[in-house]
C-alpha atoms as a PDB file:
ATOM      1  CA  MET A   1       5.947  94.810 -25.705  1.00  0.00           C
ATOM      2  CA  ASP A   2       3.204  94.166 -23.407  1.00  0.00           C
ATOM      3  CA  ARG A   3      -0.071  96.088 -25.200  1.00  0.00           C
ATOM      4  CA  SER A   4      -0.775  98.714 -27.815  1.00  0.00           C
ATOM      5  CA  VAL A   5      -3.654 101.244 -27.672  1.00  0.00           C
ATOM      6  CA  ARG A   6      -4.451 102.918 -30.788  1.00  0.00           C
ATOM      7  CA  VAL A   7      -4.933 106.638 -30.353  1.00  0.00           C
ATOM      8  CA  ASP A   8      -6.284 107.568 -33.614  1.00  0.00           C
ATOM      9  CA  GLU A   9      -5.710 105.942 -37.448  1.00  0.00           C
ATOM     10  CA  ALA A  10      -2.239 106.700 -38.021  1.00  0.00           C
ATOM     11  CA  VAL A  11      -0.986 106.771 -34.112  1.00  0.00           C
ATOM     12  CA  TYR A  12      -0.364 103.937 -31.472  1.00  0.00           C
ATOM     13  CA  HIS A  13       1.080 103.552 -28.208  1.00  0.00           C
ATOM     14  CA  LEU A  14       2.722 100.539 -26.567  1.00  0.00           C
ATOM     15  CA  ARG A  15       4.330  99.675 -23.634  1.00  0.00           C
ATOM     16  CA  TRP A  16       7.956  97.999 -23.799  1.00  0.00           C
ATOM     17  CA  GLY A  17       8.746  96.800 -20.549  1.00  0.00           C
ATOM     18  CA  SER A  18       9.485 100.268 -18.151  1.00  0.00           C
ATOM     19  CA  ALA A  19       9.348 102.352 -21.784  1.00  0.00           C
ATOM     20  CA  GLU A  20       6.021 103.728 -23.205  1.00  0.00           C
ATOM     21  CA  VAL A  21       6.755 104.366 -27.544  1.00  0.00           C
ATOM     22  CA  VAL A  22       4.502 106.271 -29.975  1.00  0.00           C
ATOM     23  CA  ILE A  23       4.414 105.371 -33.337  1.00  0.00           C
ATOM     24  CA  GLY A  24       2.776 107.195 -35.915  1.00  0.00           C
ATOM     25  CA  LEU A  25       2.744 106.048 -39.418  1.00  0.00           C
ATOM     26  CA  THR A  26       1.306 108.383 -42.763  1.00  0.00           C
ATOM     27  CA  ASP A  27       1.650 107.365 -46.124  1.00  0.00           C
ATOM     28  CA  HIS A  28       4.744 108.501 -46.461  1.00  0.00           C
ATOM     29  CA  ALA A  29       6.826 107.900 -43.252  1.00  0.00           C
ATOM     30  CA  LEU A  30       7.103 105.949 -40.431  1.00  0.00           C
ATOM     31  CA  VAL A  31       7.830 107.508 -36.568  1.00  0.00           C
ATOM     32  CA  VAL A  32       8.939 105.799 -33.671  1.00  0.00           C
ATOM     33  CA  PHE A  33      10.417 107.513 -30.444  1.00  0.00           C
ATOM     34  CA  ALA A  34       9.877 106.860 -26.766  1.00  0.00           C
ATOM     35  CA  PRO A  35       9.478 109.836 -24.213  1.00  0.00           C
ATOM     36  CA  MET A  36      12.206 109.231 -21.351  1.00  0.00           C
ATOM     37  CA  PHE A  37      12.630 112.280 -19.552  1.00  0.00           C
ATOM     38  CA  LYS A  38      10.489 116.041 -19.348  1.00  0.00           C
ATOM     39  CA  GLU A  39      13.758 117.715 -18.977  1.00  0.00           C
ATOM     40  CA  LEU A  40      17.611 117.307 -18.419  1.00  0.00           C
ATOM     41  CA  PRO A  41      18.827 116.771 -15.323  1.00  0.00           C
ATOM     42  CA  ALA A  42      19.771 120.016 -13.782  1.00  0.00           C
ATOM     43  CA  GLY A  43      23.460 120.514 -12.922  1.00  0.00           C
ATOM     44  CA  LYS A  44      24.059 117.697 -15.128  1.00  0.00           C
ATOM     45  CA  GLU A  45      23.099 118.756 -18.310  1.00  0.00           C
ATOM     46  CA  ALA A  46      26.742 118.473 -20.469  1.00  0.00           C
ATOM     47  CA  LEU A  47      27.566 114.707 -19.085  1.00  0.00           C
ATOM     48  CA  PHE A  48      23.948 113.702 -19.838  1.00  0.00           C
ATOM     49  CA  CYS A  49      24.337 114.926 -23.460  1.00  0.00           C
ATOM     50  CA  TYR A  50      27.920 113.490 -23.443  1.00  0.00           C
ATOM     51  CA  ARG A  51      26.386 109.822 -22.258  1.00  0.00           C
ATOM     52  CA  LEU A  52      23.349 109.940 -24.894  1.00  0.00           C
ATOM     53  CA  LEU A  53      25.884 110.747 -27.458  1.00  0.00           C
ATOM     54  CA  GLN A  54      27.875 107.658 -26.129  1.00  0.00           C
ATOM     55  CA  LEU A  55      24.637 105.494 -26.444  1.00  0.00           C
ATOM     56  CA  ASN A  56      23.974 106.324 -29.761  1.00  0.00           C
ATOM     57  CA  ASP A  57      27.084 104.843 -30.632  1.00  0.00           C
ATOM     58  CA  THR A  58      26.124 101.629 -29.512  1.00  0.00           C
ATOM     59  CA  MET A  59      22.486 101.464 -31.340  1.00  0.00           C
ATOM     60  CA  GLY A  60      24.049 100.952 -34.474  1.00  0.00           C
ATOM     61  CA  GLY A  61      22.404 103.687 -36.730  1.00  0.00           C
ATOM     62  CA  VAL A  62      18.960 101.988 -35.749  1.00  0.00           C
ATOM     63  CA  ALA A  63      17.272 104.241 -32.896  1.00  0.00           C
ATOM     64  CA  ASN A  64      18.911 107.601 -31.405  1.00  0.00           C
ATOM     65  CA  PHE A  65      18.388 110.054 -28.644  1.00  0.00           C
ATOM     66  CA  ALA A  66      17.287 113.711 -29.020  1.00  0.00           C
ATOM     67  CA  ILE A  67      16.199 116.764 -27.338  1.00  0.00           C
ATOM     68  CA  GLN A  68      13.313 118.080 -28.476  1.00  0.00           C
ATOM     69  CA  PRO A  69      11.880 121.797 -28.876  1.00  0.00           C
ATOM     70  CA  ASP A  70       9.897 121.463 -25.571  1.00  0.00           C
ATOM     71  CA  GLY A  71      12.742 119.650 -23.753  1.00  0.00           C
ATOM     72  CA  TRP A  72      12.220 116.192 -23.885  1.00  0.00           C
ATOM     73  CA  VAL A  73      14.788 113.492 -23.941  1.00  0.00           C
ATOM     74  CA  VAL A  74      13.597 110.927 -26.271  1.00  0.00           C
ATOM     75  CA  LEU A  75      14.800 107.926 -28.360  1.00  0.00           C
ATOM     76  CA  HIS A  76      13.466 107.944 -31.883  1.00  0.00           C
ATOM     77  CA  ALA A  77      13.789 106.499 -35.420  1.00  0.00           C
ATOM     78  CA  GLY A  78      11.801 107.533 -38.572  1.00  0.00           C
ATOM     79  CA  ARG A  79      12.255 106.129 -42.237  1.00  0.00           C
ATOM     80  CA  SER A  80      10.116 106.616 -45.563  1.00  0.00           C
ATOM     81  CA  VAL A  81       7.365 104.359 -45.961  1.00  0.00           C
ATOM     82  CA  LYS A  82       8.452 103.546 -49.360  1.00  0.00           C
ATOM     83  CA  GLY A  83      10.024 100.333 -49.957  1.00  0.00           C
ATOM     84  CA  MET A  84       9.691  99.631 -45.910  1.00  0.00           C
ATOM     85  CA  ASP A  85       8.350  95.933 -45.465  1.00  0.00           C
ATOM     86  CA  ILE A  86       6.809  94.167 -42.328  1.00  0.00           C
ATOM     87  CA  HIS A  87      10.640  93.148 -40.964  1.00  0.00           C
ATOM     88  CA  GLU A  88      11.586  96.695 -41.533  1.00  0.00           C
ATOM     89  CA  PHE A  89       8.823  98.003 -40.025  1.00  0.00           C
ATOM     90  CA  LYS A  90       8.801  95.691 -36.842  1.00  0.00           C
ATOM     91  CA  VAL A  91      12.835  96.241 -36.554  1.00  0.00           C
ATOM     92  CA  THR A  92      12.153  99.423 -36.188  1.00  0.00           C
ATOM     93  CA  VAL A  93       9.528  99.571 -33.775  1.00  0.00           C
ATOM     94  CA  ARG A  94      11.466  96.902 -31.768  1.00  0.00           C
ATOM     95  CA  SER A  95      14.867  98.830 -31.617  1.00  0.00           C
ATOM     96  CA  VAL A  96      12.997 101.760 -30.476  1.00  0.00           C
ATOM     97  CA  GLY A  97      11.332  99.670 -27.653  1.00  0.00           C
ATOM     98  CA  LYS A  98      14.148  97.593 -26.810  1.00  0.00           C
ATOM     99  CA  PHE A  99      16.936 100.347 -26.419  1.00  0.00           C
ATOM    100  CA  ALA A 100      14.082 102.636 -24.770  1.00  0.00           C
ATOM    101  CA  ASP A 101      13.552  99.997 -22.020  1.00  0.00           C
ATOM    102  CA  LEU A 102      17.389  99.225 -21.340  1.00  0.00           C
ATOM    103  CA  TYR A 103      18.309 102.445 -21.437  1.00  0.00           C
ATOM    104  CA  ASP A 104      15.671 104.437 -19.139  1.00  0.00           C
ATOM    105  CA  ASP A 105      16.469 102.781 -16.063  1.00  0.00           C
ATOM    106  CA  GLN A 106      20.431 103.139 -17.103  1.00  0.00           C
ATOM    107  CA  LEU A 107      20.047 106.768 -17.052  1.00  0.00           C
ATOM    108  CA  PHE A 108      17.617 107.526 -14.549  1.00  0.00           C
ATOM    109  CA  ASP A 109      19.684 105.770 -11.829  1.00  0.00           C
ATOM    110  CA  GLU A 110      22.901 107.426 -13.262  1.00  0.00           C
ATOM    111  CA  PHE A 111      21.843 111.051 -13.740  1.00  0.00           C
ATOM    112  CA  TYR A 112      17.907 111.252 -11.896  1.00  0.00           C
ATOM    113  CA  ASP A 113      17.724 109.120  -9.023  1.00  0.00           C
ATOM    114  CA  SER A 114      19.420 111.696  -6.400  1.00  0.00           C
ATOM    115  CA  GLN A 115      17.070 114.413  -7.192  1.00  0.00           C
ATOM    116  CA  ARG A 116      13.973 112.616  -7.297  1.00  0.00           C
ATOM    117  CA  SER A 117      12.570 114.860  -9.529  1.00  0.00           C
ATOM    118  CA  GLY A 118       9.657 112.983 -10.752  1.00  0.00           C
ATOM    119  CA  GLN A 119      11.454 113.598 -14.237  1.00  0.00           C
ATOM    120  CA  HIS A 120      11.192 110.057 -15.195  1.00  0.00           C
ATOM    121  CA  ARG A 121       9.425 108.087 -18.034  1.00  0.00           C
ATOM    122  CA  LEU A 122       6.144 108.080 -18.587  1.00  0.00           C
ATOM    123  CA  PRO A 123       3.354 106.814 -17.424  1.00  0.00           C
ATOM    124  CA  THR A 124       2.427 109.987 -16.735  1.00  0.00           C
ATOM    125  CA  ASP A 125      -0.414 111.784 -18.553  1.00  0.00           C
ATOM    126  CA  ASP A 126       2.063 114.992 -19.133  1.00  0.00           C
ATOM    127  CA  PHE A 127       2.916 113.803 -22.531  1.00  0.00           C
ATOM    128  CA  LEU A 128      -0.290 112.879 -23.746  1.00  0.00           C
ATOM    129  CA  PRO A 129      -2.824 114.874 -25.849  1.00  0.00           C
ATOM    130  CA  GLU A 130      -5.386 116.706 -22.997  1.00  0.00           C
ATOM    131  CA  GLY A 131      -8.118 114.575 -22.797  1.00  0.00           C
ATOM    132  CA  GLU A 132      -5.773 111.018 -23.270  1.00  0.00           C
ATOM    133  CA  VAL A 133      -4.971 108.826 -20.279  1.00  0.00           C
ATOM    134  CA  ALA A 134      -1.722 107.056 -19.632  1.00  0.00           C
ATOM    135  CA  LEU A 135      -1.196 103.697 -21.162  1.00  0.00           C
ATOM    136  CA  GLY A 136      -2.234 101.302 -18.366  1.00  0.00           C
ATOM    137  CA  THR A 137      -5.617 102.355 -18.116  1.00  0.00           C
ATOM    138  CA  ALA A 138      -6.584 102.505 -21.894  1.00  0.00           C
ATOM    139  CA  PRO A 139      -8.339  99.469 -24.064  1.00  0.00           C
ATOM    140  CA  MET A 140      -5.915  97.331 -25.944  1.00  0.00           C
ATOM    141  CA  HIS A 141      -5.969  97.543 -29.940  1.00  0.00           C
ATOM    142  CA  THR A 142      -3.604  95.541 -32.359  1.00  0.00           C
ATOM    143  CA  LEU A 143      -1.843  97.728 -35.396  1.00  0.00           C
ATOM    144  CA  PRO A 144      -3.716  97.565 -38.348  1.00  0.00           C
ATOM    145  CA  GLY A 145      -3.424  94.087 -40.436  1.00  0.00           C
ATOM    146  CA  ASP A 146      -1.686  92.424 -37.725  1.00  0.00           C
ATOM    147  CA  PRO A 147      -3.244  88.917 -37.669  1.00  0.00           C
ATOM    148  CA  PRO A 148      -3.230  87.203 -34.095  1.00  0.00           C
ATOM    149  CA  GLY A 149       0.676  86.169 -33.260  1.00  0.00           C
ATOM    150  CA  THR A 150       2.299  89.161 -34.492  1.00  0.00           C
ATOM    151  CA  LEU A 151       4.055  92.501 -33.492  1.00  0.00           C
ATOM    152  CA  SER A 152       1.178  93.773 -31.310  1.00  0.00           C
ATOM    153  CA  ASP A 153      -0.221  90.598 -30.286  1.00  0.00           C
ATOM    154  CA  PRO A 154       1.084  90.131 -26.463  1.00  0.00           C
ATOM    155  CA  SER A 155       0.117  86.093 -25.989  1.00  0.00           C
ATOM    156  CA  PRO A 156       3.016  84.110 -25.192  1.00  0.00           C
ATOM    157  CA  GLY A 157       4.873  82.611 -28.250  1.00  0.00           C
ATOM    158  CA  ALA A 158       3.528  85.842 -30.212  1.00  0.00           C
ATOM    159  CA  ALA A 159       6.231  87.694 -32.220  1.00  0.00           C
ATOM    160  CA  GLY A 160       7.948  90.257 -30.024  1.00  0.00           C
ATOM    161  CA  ALA A 161       6.274  89.069 -27.269  1.00  0.00           C
ATOM    162  CA  GLU A 162       9.826  87.370 -26.081  1.00  0.00           C
ATOM    163  CA  ASP A 163      11.414  90.562 -26.407  1.00  0.00           C
END
């Protein structure tokens, strides 16, 4: 993880390698997702969806690809916060971050590269709420309750920094 940016009290944006990750945390649920592509690759929709299903099988049930109603292809994970400890929180965030970073380039090269259509991953401001800017221009924040050297601390040797 390179940095975390607090969007509001319950939403954070992270960069994990080449992937953007969004964390939403409420009193009841944790949702972590990585928006990867704005739309399915033209003319390759069925093959692309089949490939996403194959990749879902490689992640051991900790994260899954999905297509949102607005057409975005995302990698996501979620769970109830009841009984969740910090290790489970970190595993959920790391799983989405690592798999999104691993598969974004692979899928782009396999399905989008020949189109050069601009449909590949963030950073763009297209996915962010109006008035927000892409992560690279925003100030860094830590996650609530994280002391230095934990998940959101990008310093060398910090937990998650080597991931």
